Amino acid sequence: MKLASVFATILLPACLASSLAYAGKADDVLNIAFSRELEHVDPYYNTAREGILLGAAVWDALLYRDPKTGTYVGNLATAWTWIDTTTLELTLRQGVKFHNGEAFDADDVVFTLNYVVDAKNGNKSQTNTNWIKSAEKVDSFKVRIHTNGPFPAALEYLAGPIIIQPNEYYTAVGQQGVATKPIGTGPYRMESVEPGKHFVLKRNPDYFAAAKPKATIETIDIRTVPDANTQMAELFNGEIDLVWGVPADQADKMAKMGKFQVVNAPTMRVGYLSLDAAGRTGAKNPMTDLRVRQAVNYAVNRQGIVDALMKGTSAVINSACSPVQFGCEQAVMTYAYDPAKAKALLAEAGYPNGFSLDFYAYRDRPLAEAMIGMLAEVGITAKLNYMQYSALREKRIKDGTPISFMTWGSNSISDVSAVTSAFFRMGGEDDARDPAVAALLEKGDGSVDADERKAAYSKALTTIADKAYWVPLWIYSSNYVMGADVSFTPTPDELIRFYDISWK
């Protein structure tokens, strides 16, 4: 296959002809572009990377994982200890205030955790919180978290996506009030919100700075700019200071100009094709046949796509997880690019002339189109259905899809429970619905013995590969393009910590 015939070249607009002007540093305003429209500003009501970044800036978690050492340190909590295998006791920091002046104490922690684990409240980040049974107040600055069985990865979640809301304010305004005026304890406060479109953050001068540092830049101005060409034009004109996830060809063009900082850094994000092995879209769906799923695996030239379109530090993966995550077994069945073998398997499955189906995606259209072209070469005619992430996720949960091209950043959690367990434990986006795999993952998620966890995850990931439930594609790297005056060092967890950014 000639990959060049599939890959469309994305060109910078011809309008890039004005002089560079970095007004951001002069005004102490860092201008950032989000590529995706955020469905809700509350981290518990979106599952987007953009929401995680806002969550880390505006709110705080109980713990904090140092990105340099990987160690856990106190944030809203100062000490923690396991009372038993299902009870974690935390001592809380005193003297912390929310942006509206409300004092932080145990009531805020107990309210937040009990609220988000209550199914009727519609938390969209259940995979981050479903290990919590309940939270109870011991005294004003001490709480206990009760878990649904042993959960050794608890500290990782408490240091990441589980942020704490102010109980009094939240009770008064509800989810809708938080959507337009969120209140946290973080290094930045939200000054204004145009839902999904525009967010303005101001430095919190009273931040307690126990784990995260105080912010140095006064204002973070974030606009949603979905089109990559428009992002590059605005970078060139000095209207944007920082954007990430820039396509490789665009990043190369910006680097050649010599006027921007272009950094490629590895991430934890995986790309994958999820195949409807359980027949959620109908019993006649060809993906219910193992041979068809194997054929799809053999049909996709993953390395070819990485080399031609992604470049940088992106790399092909074979297991349904990120290699840097705890428990991500690498010694599994692999599927090398072999279109002849794919055709033979399709014929054996009763499809000598192939078949047609719908192919869903929400990002990286050139990559999706490349894979569709490869499937066509073995006889599978795939019609691209390109949707917004939130809409596609809802469809996958409600109706299922025959085949969908998805990515997952694990909320920057370095544990297999944040990815494999999220998609193979009978949840809404589990397209395999394999009880044996789910049981193994449940065992791994609940064991306090590291070797036992690894063994359970190894068996689960081996089965997933043997039965070709996914097509694991690649680990993403991210291209960051920044103005010359921006000082920022990317980290593998793909978290852009606004409070760590400064001016040169």
Protein backbone atom coordinates (compact mmCIF):
# COMPACT_ATOMS: atom_id res chain seq x y z
CA MET A 1 0.00 0.00 0.00
CA LYS A 2 1.27 3.49 -0.83
CA LEU A 3 0.67 5.44 2.34
CA ALA A 4 1.28 8.71 0.53
CA SER A 5 -1.93 8.21 -1.44
CA VAL A 6 -3.89 8.18 1.79
CA PHE A 7 -2.24 10.92 3.81
CA ALA A 8 -3.53 14.41 3.09
CA THR A 9 -1.11 17.29 3.64
CA ILE A 10 -2.36 19.98 5.99
CA LEU A 11 -1.02 23.33 4.86
CA LEU A 12 -0.59 26.47 6.87
CA PRO A 13 -2.86 29.28 5.68
CA ALA A 14 -1.43 31.72 3.22
CA CYS A 15 -2.28 34.51 5.61
CA LEU A 16 0.85 33.91 7.69
CA ALA A 17 2.54 37.04 6.50
CA SER A 18 2.39 39.47 9.38
CA SER A 19 5.16 40.26 11.86
CA LEU A 20 5.39 38.42 15.17
CA ALA A 21 4.17 40.28 18.26
CA TYR A 22 4.20 38.57 21.63
CA ALA A 23 1.72 40.67 23.58
CA GLY A 24 1.24 37.93 26.15
CA LYS A 25 4.40 38.62 28.13
CA ALA A 26 3.89 42.38 27.98
CA ASP A 27 0.40 42.08 29.47
CA ASP A 28 1.25 39.07 31.68
CA VAL A 29 -1.48 37.12 29.88
CA LEU A 30 -0.75 33.60 28.67
CA ASN A 31 -3.03 32.84 25.72
CA ILE A 32 -3.79 29.15 25.26
CA ALA A 33 -5.87 27.31 22.64
CA PHE A 34 -8.07 24.33 23.48
CA SER A 35 -8.83 22.11 20.50
CA ARG A 36 -12.01 20.63 21.96
CA GLU A 37 -15.11 22.29 23.31
CA LEU A 38 -15.45 21.43 26.98
CA GLU A 39 -18.91 20.13 27.85
CA HIS A 40 -18.80 21.25 31.50
CA VAL A 41 -16.13 23.02 33.54
CA ASP A 42 -16.60 20.76 36.59
CA PRO A 43 -14.02 17.92 36.29
CA TYR A 44 -16.63 15.42 37.46
CA TYR A 45 -18.90 16.28 34.52
CA ASN A 46 -16.47 15.95 31.64
CA THR A 47 -13.90 13.35 30.64
CA ALA A 48 -11.75 15.54 28.39
CA ARG A 49 -8.07 16.32 28.81
CA GLU A 50 -8.95 20.02 28.77
CA GLY A 51 -11.14 19.46 31.82
CA ILE A 52 -8.27 17.80 33.68
CA LEU A 53 -6.05 20.82 33.04
CA LEU A 54 -8.66 23.24 34.35
CA GLY A 55 -9.27 20.95 37.30
CA ALA A 56 -5.61 21.04 38.31
CA ALA A 57 -5.48 24.83 38.04
CA VAL A 58 -8.72 25.81 39.79
CA TRP A 59 -9.15 23.01 42.33
CA ASP A 60 -6.95 20.88 44.54
CA ALA A 61 -6.83 17.19 45.35
CA LEU A 62 -6.11 15.72 48.76
CA LEU A 63 -2.68 14.50 47.65
CA TYR A 64 -0.22 15.46 44.94
CA ARG A 65 2.16 13.30 42.91
CA ASP A 66 5.44 15.07 42.29
CA PRO A 67 5.93 14.88 38.49
CA LYS A 68 9.73 14.68 38.90
CA THR A 69 10.00 12.00 41.59
CA GLY A 70 6.63 10.25 41.34
CA THR A 71 6.24 10.43 45.13
CA TYR A 72 3.02 11.39 46.89
CA VAL A 73 3.02 14.48 49.06
CA GLY A 74 0.32 16.22 51.05
CA ASN A 75 -1.87 18.81 49.39
CA LEU A 76 -5.29 19.40 51.00
CA ALA A 77 -4.35 16.51 53.27
CA THR A 78 -1.20 16.54 55.40
CA ALA A 79 -1.09 12.90 56.49
CA TRP A 80 -2.77 9.62 55.60
CA THR A 81 -2.78 6.05 56.83
CA TRP A 82 -4.65 2.84 56.09
CA ILE A 83 -6.65 1.87 59.19
CA ASP A 84 -7.40 -1.44 57.51
CA THR A 85 -7.49 -2.69 53.91
CA THR A 86 -10.68 -0.75 53.13
CA THR A 87 -10.39 2.36 55.34
CA LEU A 88 -8.07 5.26 54.60
CA GLU A 89 -7.82 8.01 57.22
CA LEU A 90 -6.57 11.47 56.22
CA THR A 91 -5.64 14.48 58.29
CA LEU A 92 -6.59 17.70 56.50
CA ARG A 93 -4.69 20.94 56.12
CA GLN A 94 -5.93 23.81 58.24
CA GLY A 95 -6.18 27.45 57.20
CA VAL A 96 -7.06 26.82 53.53
CA LYS A 97 -9.80 28.92 51.95
CA PHE A 98 -11.79 28.54 48.75
CA HIS A 99 -11.75 31.38 46.24
CA ASN A 100 -15.00 32.77 47.66
CA GLY A 101 -13.62 32.86 51.20
CA GLU A 102 -15.34 29.68 52.41
CA ALA A 103 -13.09 27.80 54.83
CA PHE A 104 -11.93 24.32 53.83
CA ASP A 105 -12.58 21.49 56.27
CA ALA A 106 -13.78 17.90 56.53
CA ASP A 107 -17.32 18.81 55.49
CA ASP A 108 -16.09 19.72 52.00
CA VAL A 109 -14.29 16.40 51.54
CA VAL A 110 -17.18 14.31 52.84
CA PHE A 111 -19.71 16.24 50.75
CA THR A 112 -17.67 15.99 47.54
CA LEU A 113 -16.88 12.28 47.77
CA ASN A 114 -20.34 11.18 48.84
CA TYR A 115 -21.89 13.38 46.13
CA VAL A 116 -19.81 12.03 43.25
CA VAL A 117 -20.23 8.36 44.21
CA ASP A 118 -24.03 8.73 44.34
CA ALA A 119 -25.18 7.46 40.93
CA LYS A 120 -28.17 9.79 40.83
CA ASN A 121 -25.84 12.80 40.61
CA GLY A 122 -24.56 11.74 37.19
CA ASN A 123 -20.80 11.87 37.70
CA LYS A 124 -19.26 11.21 34.26
CA SER A 125 -15.91 10.20 35.75
CA GLN A 126 -17.12 7.06 37.50
CA THR A 127 -13.95 5.17 36.65
CA ASN A 128 -12.08 7.61 38.89
CA THR A 129 -14.41 7.26 41.87
CA ASN A 130 -16.19 3.91 41.72
CA TRP A 131 -13.69 2.40 44.18
CA ILE A 132 -15.05 4.69 46.91
CA LYS A 133 -17.92 3.40 49.01
CA SER A 134 -18.36 6.46 51.22
CA ALA A 135 -16.59 9.16 53.21
CA GLU A 136 -17.16 10.05 56.84
CA LYS A 137 -16.14 12.94 59.06
CA VAL A 138 -14.06 12.06 62.11
CA ASP A 139 -13.61 15.66 63.22
CA SER A 140 -13.26 19.04 61.52
CA PHE A 141 -9.91 18.14 59.99
CA LYS A 142 -9.96 14.39 59.79
CA VAL A 143 -11.88 12.12 57.41
CA ARG A 144 -12.10 8.45 56.59
CA ILE A 145 -12.63 7.07 53.12
CA HIS A 146 -14.25 3.63 52.95
CA THR A 147 -13.51 1.67 49.80
CA ASN A 148 -15.43 -1.02 47.94
CA GLY A 149 -12.84 -3.61 48.81
CA PRO A 150 -9.05 -3.21 48.87
CA PHE A 151 -7.86 -0.68 46.31
CA PRO A 152 -4.09 -0.16 46.32
CA ALA A 153 -4.21 2.52 43.61
CA ALA A 154 -6.27 4.84 45.85
CA LEU A 155 -3.42 7.30 46.48
CA GLU A 156 -2.87 7.70 42.74
CA TYR A 157 -6.49 8.76 42.24
CA LEU A 158 -6.52 11.00 45.31
CA ALA A 159 -3.46 12.76 43.93
CA GLY A 160 -5.05 13.31 40.52
CA PRO A 161 -8.59 13.65 39.22
CA ILE A 162 -10.47 13.58 42.55
CA ILE A 163 -10.73 17.28 43.37
CA ILE A 164 -12.58 18.83 46.32
CA GLN A 165 -15.54 21.18 45.98
CA PRO A 166 -16.81 23.69 48.58
CA ASN A 167 -19.85 22.06 50.18
CA GLU A 168 -21.74 25.23 51.10
CA TYR A 169 -21.31 26.91 47.73
CA TYR A 170 -22.01 23.75 45.75
CA THR A 171 -25.17 23.05 47.72
CA ALA A 172 -26.37 26.60 47.09
CA VAL A 173 -25.70 26.82 43.31
CA GLY A 174 -25.67 23.18 42.14
CA GLN A 175 -24.09 21.80 38.97
CA GLN A 176 -25.46 24.60 36.80
CA GLY A 177 -24.03 27.29 39.04
CA VAL A 178 -20.62 25.61 39.03
CA ALA A 179 -20.75 25.43 35.22
CA THR A 180 -20.53 29.21 34.93
CA LYS A 181 -18.83 30.18 38.21
CA PRO A 182 -16.67 27.39 39.60
CA ILE A 183 -15.01 27.81 42.99
CA GLY A 184 -11.93 25.88 44.12
CA THR A 185 -8.88 26.30 46.31
CA GLY A 186 -6.33 26.11 43.49
CA PRO A 187 -3.49 28.38 42.34
CA TYR A 188 -5.86 29.98 39.81
CA ARG A 189 -9.42 31.20 40.25
CA MET A 190 -11.90 31.25 37.38
CA GLU A 191 -12.70 34.86 36.54
CA SER A 192 -15.11 34.22 33.68
CA VAL A 193 -16.63 31.35 31.72
CA GLU A 194 -18.24 31.30 28.31
CA PRO A 195 -19.29 27.63 28.43
CA GLY A 196 -17.22 25.51 26.10
CA LYS A 197 -15.69 28.52 24.36
CA HIS A 198 -13.68 30.85 26.58
CA PHE A 199 -12.18 30.66 30.07
CA VAL A 200 -10.24 33.36 31.89
CA LEU A 201 -8.19 32.38 34.95
CA LYS A 202 -6.60 34.81 37.41
CA ARG A 203 -3.74 34.05 39.75
CA ASN A 204 -4.83 33.29 43.32
CA PRO A 205 -2.55 35.52 45.45
CA ASP A 206 -3.59 33.74 48.65
CA TYR A 207 -2.82 30.21 47.46
CA PHE A 208 -1.44 28.05 50.27
CA ALA A 209 1.19 26.42 47.98
CA ALA A 210 1.93 23.29 50.00
CA ALA A 211 2.58 20.98 47.03
CA LYS A 212 1.79 23.01 43.93
CA PRO A 213 3.70 26.29 43.68
CA LYS A 214 2.03 29.66 43.52
CA ALA A 215 1.32 30.72 39.95
CA THR A 216 3.69 33.25 38.41
CA ILE A 217 1.64 34.40 35.40
CA GLU A 218 -1.22 36.72 36.30
CA THR A 219 -3.81 35.67 33.69
CA ILE A 220 -4.46 32.52 31.67
CA ASP A 221 -6.77 33.24 28.74
CA ILE A 222 -8.10 30.07 27.09
CA ARG A 223 -10.14 29.98 23.90
CA THR A 224 -11.49 26.97 22.03
CA VAL A 225 -9.94 26.95 18.56
CA PRO A 226 -10.76 23.58 16.95
CA ASP A 227 -9.02 24.12 13.61
CA ALA A 228 -5.28 23.40 13.58
CA ASN A 229 -4.61 25.84 10.74
CA THR A 230 -6.30 28.63 12.68
CA GLN A 231 -4.25 27.77 15.75
CA MET A 232 -1.02 28.06 13.79
CA ALA A 233 -2.09 31.36 12.23
CA GLU A 234 -2.88 32.80 15.65
CA LEU A 235 0.42 31.54 17.03
CA PHE A 236 2.21 33.25 14.17
CA ASN A 237 0.37 36.50 14.82
CA GLY A 238 1.06 36.38 18.57
CA GLU A 239 -2.60 35.86 19.51
CA ILE A 240 -1.81 32.47 21.05
CA ASP A 241 1.27 31.70 23.17
CA LEU A 242 0.90 27.94 23.66
CA VAL A 243 -0.87 25.06 21.95
CA TRP A 244 -0.31 21.32 22.22
CA GLY A 245 -1.33 18.27 20.21
CA VAL A 246 -0.11 20.00 17.05
CA PRO A 247 -0.02 17.67 14.00
CA ALA A 248 3.51 16.64 13.05
CA ASP A 249 3.53 18.42 9.69
CA GLN A 250 2.33 21.66 11.27
CA ALA A 251 4.91 21.40 14.04
CA ASP A 252 7.67 20.86 11.46
CA LYS A 253 6.65 24.00 9.57
CA MET A 254 6.60 26.09 12.73
CA ALA A 255 10.01 24.72 13.79
CA LYS A 256 11.57 25.63 10.46
CA MET A 257 10.58 29.26 10.94
CA GLY A 258 13.02 29.48 13.83
CA LYS A 259 10.75 31.82 15.77
CA PHE A 260 8.93 29.32 17.97
CA GLN A 261 9.77 26.68 20.52
CA VAL A 262 8.61 23.28 19.24
CA VAL A 263 8.89 20.38 21.67
CA ASN A 264 7.84 16.78 21.08
CA ALA A 265 7.23 14.82 24.28
CA PRO A 266 5.89 11.30 24.96
CA THR A 267 2.57 10.90 26.71
CA MET A 268 0.58 8.20 28.46
CA ARG A 269 -2.25 8.49 25.90
CA VAL A 270 -3.04 5.38 23.86
CA GLY A 271 -4.91 5.12 20.59
CA TYR A 272 -7.02 2.05 19.87
CA LEU A 273 -9.81 0.59 17.76
CA SER A 274 -12.62 -0.83 19.88
CA LEU A 275 -14.44 -3.70 18.16
CA ASP A 276 -18.01 -4.76 18.97
CA ALA A 277 -17.16 -8.32 19.96
CA ALA A 278 -20.22 -8.55 22.23
CA GLY A 279 -22.61 -7.77 19.37
CA ARG A 280 -24.06 -4.68 21.03
CA THR A 281 -24.95 -3.25 17.61
CA GLY A 282 -26.66 -6.46 16.50
CA ALA A 283 -25.91 -10.16 16.34
CA LYS A 284 -25.07 -9.89 12.62
CA ASN A 285 -22.23 -7.49 13.31
CA PRO A 286 -19.15 -9.21 11.80
CA MET A 287 -17.05 -8.11 14.78
CA THR A 288 -18.60 -10.87 16.87
CA ASP A 289 -16.38 -13.31 14.93
CA LEU A 290 -12.85 -13.69 16.30
CA ARG A 291 -11.45 -14.21 12.80
CA VAL A 292 -12.86 -10.87 11.65
CA ARG A 293 -11.40 -9.07 14.65
CA GLN A 294 -8.04 -10.69 13.97
CA ALA A 295 -8.32 -9.65 10.32
CA VAL A 296 -8.86 -6.02 11.36
CA ASN A 297 -5.73 -6.24 13.51
CA TYR A 298 -3.67 -7.58 10.63
CA ALA A 299 -5.09 -5.02 8.17
CA VAL A 300 -3.85 -1.89 9.96
CA ASN A 301 -0.30 -0.79 9.23
CA ARG A 302 0.28 0.85 12.58
CA GLN A 303 3.99 1.44 12.14
CA GLY A 304 3.40 2.95 8.72
CA ILE A 305 0.96 5.46 10.17
CA VAL A 306 3.30 6.35 13.03
CA ASP A 307 6.22 6.85 10.64
CA ALA A 308 4.30 8.87 8.06
CA LEU A 309 1.86 10.92 10.12
CA MET A 310 2.85 10.97 13.77
CA LYS A 311 6.64 10.88 14.02
CA GLY A 312 8.30 12.20 17.17
CA THR A 313 8.29 9.85 20.14
CA SER A 314 5.05 8.07 19.19
CA ALA A 315 5.38 4.28 19.19
CA VAL A 316 3.30 1.23 18.31
CA ILE A 317 1.80 -0.74 21.23
CA ASN A 318 0.47 -4.29 21.38
CA SER A 319 -1.33 -4.36 24.73
CA ALA A 320 -4.49 -2.55 25.88
CA CYS A 321 -2.64 -0.08 28.11
CA SER A 322 0.30 2.29 28.21
CA PRO A 323 3.66 0.55 28.71
CA VAL A 324 4.59 2.97 31.51
CA GLN A 325 1.57 1.99 33.61
CA PHE A 326 1.81 -0.45 36.49
CA GLY A 327 0.66 -3.91 35.37
CA CYS A 328 0.81 -3.28 31.61
CA GLU A 329 1.85 -6.73 30.40
CA GLN A 330 3.89 -6.52 27.18
CA ALA A 331 4.29 -10.24 26.39
CA VAL A 332 0.99 -10.68 24.56
CA MET A 333 -0.17 -11.83 21.14
CA THR A 334 0.96 -9.39 18.44
CA TYR A 335 -0.50 -8.74 14.99
CA ALA A 336 2.02 -7.64 12.39
CA TYR A 337 0.79 -5.81 9.30
CA ASP A 338 -0.28 -8.63 6.96
CA PRO A 339 -3.13 -7.78 4.53
CA ALA A 340 -2.93 -11.19 2.85
CA LYS A 341 -3.53 -12.91 6.18
CA ALA A 342 -6.37 -10.50 6.88
CA LYS A 343 -8.07 -11.42 3.58
CA ALA A 344 -7.67 -15.12 4.29
CA LEU A 345 -9.25 -14.78 7.74
CA LEU A 346 -12.18 -12.82 6.29
CA ALA A 347 -12.75 -15.54 3.70
CA GLU A 348 -12.57 -18.19 6.40
CA ALA A 349 -15.16 -16.24 8.41
CA GLY A 350 -17.54 -16.23 5.43
CA TYR A 351 -16.68 -12.82 3.98
CA PRO A 352 -14.59 -13.56 0.85
CA ASN A 353 -15.87 -10.33 -0.70
CA GLY A 354 -15.64 -8.34 2.49
CA PHE A 355 -18.46 -6.31 4.03
CA SER A 356 -19.47 -2.76 4.90
CA LEU A 357 -19.83 -1.13 8.30
CA ASP A 358 -19.78 2.24 10.09
CA PHE A 359 -16.46 3.48 11.46
CA TYR A 360 -16.61 6.12 14.23
CA ALA A 361 -13.99 8.66 15.27
CA TYR A 362 -13.79 11.99 17.08
CA ARG A 363 -10.23 13.21 16.42
CA ASP A 364 -7.18 12.72 14.18
CA ARG A 365 -9.20 12.50 11.00
CA PRO A 366 -6.14 11.85 8.78
CA LEU A 367 -5.27 8.83 10.94
CA ALA A 368 -8.85 7.57 10.80
CA GLU A 369 -8.91 7.96 7.01
CA ALA A 370 -5.61 6.13 6.70
CA MET A 371 -7.00 3.16 8.63
CA ILE A 372 -10.20 3.21 6.57
CA GLY A 373 -8.05 3.02 3.44
CA MET A 374 -6.17 0.03 4.84
CA LEU A 375 -9.41 -1.76 5.74
CA ALA A 376 -10.66 -1.15 2.19
CA GLU A 377 -7.61 -2.93 0.81
CA VAL A 378 -8.64 -6.17 2.52
CA GLY A 379 -12.31 -5.80 1.54
CA ILE A 380 -13.83 -3.97 4.52
CA THR A 381 -15.68 -0.85 3.39
CA ALA A 382 -15.84 1.47 6.37
CA LYS A 383 -17.97 4.62 6.32
CA LEU A 384 -16.51 7.37 8.50
CA ASN A 385 -18.83 8.88 11.09
CA TYR A 386 -16.94 11.84 12.59
CA MET A 387 -18.46 13.16 15.81
CA GLN A 388 -17.66 15.32 18.80
CA TYR A 389 -16.11 13.33 21.64
CA SER A 390 -18.98 13.79 24.09
CA ALA A 391 -21.55 12.70 21.50
CA LEU A 392 -19.53 9.65 20.45
CA ARG A 393 -18.95 8.61 24.05
CA GLU A 394 -22.68 8.82 24.76
CA LYS A 395 -23.44 6.76 21.65
CA ARG A 396 -20.91 4.12 22.65
CA ILE A 397 -22.46 3.87 26.09
CA LYS A 398 -26.06 3.85 24.90
CA ASP A 399 -26.01 1.99 21.57
CA GLY A 400 -22.49 0.76 20.94
CA THR A 401 -20.61 1.11 17.65
CA PRO A 402 -19.29 -1.60 15.27
CA ILE A 403 -15.79 -0.12 15.27
CA SER A 404 -14.56 3.12 16.78
CA PHE A 405 -11.20 4.87 16.80
CA MET A 406 -10.67 6.22 20.30
CA THR A 407 -7.89 7.52 22.52
CA TRP A 408 -7.49 7.50 26.29
CA GLY A 409 -5.06 9.37 28.51
CA SER A 410 -5.99 7.52 31.73
CA ASN A 411 -6.49 10.87 33.49
CA SER A 412 -2.69 10.76 33.80
CA ILE A 413 -2.95 7.84 36.25
CA SER A 414 0.00 5.47 35.96
CA ASP A 415 -1.92 2.29 36.72
CA VAL A 416 -3.65 -0.26 34.48
CA SER A 417 -6.84 0.16 36.51
CA ALA A 418 -7.21 3.57 34.85
CA VAL A 419 -7.38 2.18 31.31
CA THR A 420 -7.87 -1.59 30.93
CA SER A 421 -10.29 -1.78 33.86
CA ALA A 422 -12.09 1.30 32.59
CA PHE A 423 -13.00 -0.48 29.33
CA PHE A 424 -13.18 -4.18 30.18
CA ARG A 425 -15.11 -4.41 33.46
CA MET A 426 -18.63 -4.45 31.99
CA GLY A 427 -18.96 -0.65 31.92
CA GLY A 428 -20.80 1.36 29.29
CA GLU A 429 -17.86 1.39 26.87
CA ASP A 430 -16.96 -2.29 27.27
CA ASP A 431 -17.41 -3.74 23.77
CA ALA A 432 -16.14 -7.18 24.77
CA ARG A 433 -18.35 -7.94 27.80
CA ASP A 434 -16.12 -10.87 28.71
CA PRO A 435 -16.88 -11.94 32.31
CA ALA A 436 -13.58 -13.81 32.65
CA VAL A 437 -11.59 -10.70 31.73
CA ALA A 438 -13.72 -8.55 34.02
CA ALA A 439 -13.14 -10.95 36.92
CA LEU A 440 -9.38 -10.89 36.41
CA LEU A 441 -9.35 -7.10 36.34
CA GLU A 442 -11.50 -6.95 39.44
CA LYS A 443 -8.99 -9.21 41.18
CA GLY A 444 -6.09 -7.03 40.07
CA ASP A 445 -7.82 -3.81 41.07
CA GLY A 446 -8.64 -5.14 44.53
CA SER A 447 -5.50 -6.97 45.56
CA VAL A 448 -3.01 -5.34 47.94
CA ASP A 449 -0.25 -7.68 46.76
CA ALA A 450 1.73 -6.15 43.86
CA ASP A 451 2.73 -9.53 42.38
CA GLU A 452 -0.85 -10.80 42.55
CA ARG A 453 -2.04 -7.63 40.82
CA LYS A 454 0.50 -8.04 38.04
CA ALA A 455 -0.43 -11.69 37.52
CA ALA A 456 -4.15 -10.91 37.25
CA TYR A 457 -3.56 -8.01 34.85
CA SER A 458 -1.20 -10.16 32.78
CA LYS A 459 -3.87 -12.84 32.29
CA ALA A 460 -6.52 -10.24 31.44
CA LEU A 461 -4.34 -8.42 28.90
CA THR A 462 -3.23 -11.71 27.35
CA THR A 463 -6.87 -12.72 26.86
CA ILE A 464 -7.76 -9.33 25.39
CA ALA A 465 -4.97 -9.73 22.84
CA ASP A 466 -5.73 -13.38 22.07
CA LYS A 467 -9.38 -12.59 21.44
CA ALA A 468 -8.54 -9.38 19.53
CA TYR A 469 -11.08 -7.31 21.44
CA TRP A 470 -9.09 -4.15 20.63
CA VAL A 471 -6.63 -3.08 18.01
CA PRO A 472 -4.01 -1.39 20.24
CA LEU A 473 -2.51 1.25 17.98
CA TRP A 474 0.12 3.53 19.45
CA ILE A 475 1.28 5.71 22.26
CA TYR A 476 0.82 9.34 21.35
CA SER A 477 3.51 11.92 21.64
CA SER A 478 2.46 15.53 21.77
CA ASN A 479 3.89 18.46 19.87
CA TYR A 480 3.93 21.64 21.93
CA VAL A 481 4.40 24.89 20.04
CA MET A 482 5.16 27.94 22.17
CA GLY A 483 6.10 31.54 21.74
CA ALA A 484 9.76 32.40 22.27
CA ASP A 485 9.07 33.96 25.68
CA VAL A 486 7.23 31.00 27.24
CA SER A 487 9.04 28.82 29.77
CA PHE A 488 7.40 25.40 30.04
CA THR A 489 8.68 21.83 30.22
CA PRO A 490 6.20 19.07 29.22
CA THR A 491 5.85 15.95 31.38
CA PRO A 492 4.92 12.40 30.27
CA ASP A 493 1.60 12.54 32.14
CA GLU A 494 0.41 15.11 29.56
CA LEU A 495 -0.62 17.55 32.29
CA ILE A 496 -0.03 21.17 31.43
CA ARG A 497 0.32 22.66 34.87
CA PHE A 498 -0.50 26.31 34.29
CA TYR A 499 1.07 27.23 37.62
CA ASP A 500 4.43 25.81 36.44
CA ILE A 501 4.55 28.07 33.37
CA SER A 502 6.46 31.35 33.45
CA TRP A 503 7.97 33.92 31.13
CA LYS A 504 11.58 33.84 30.05
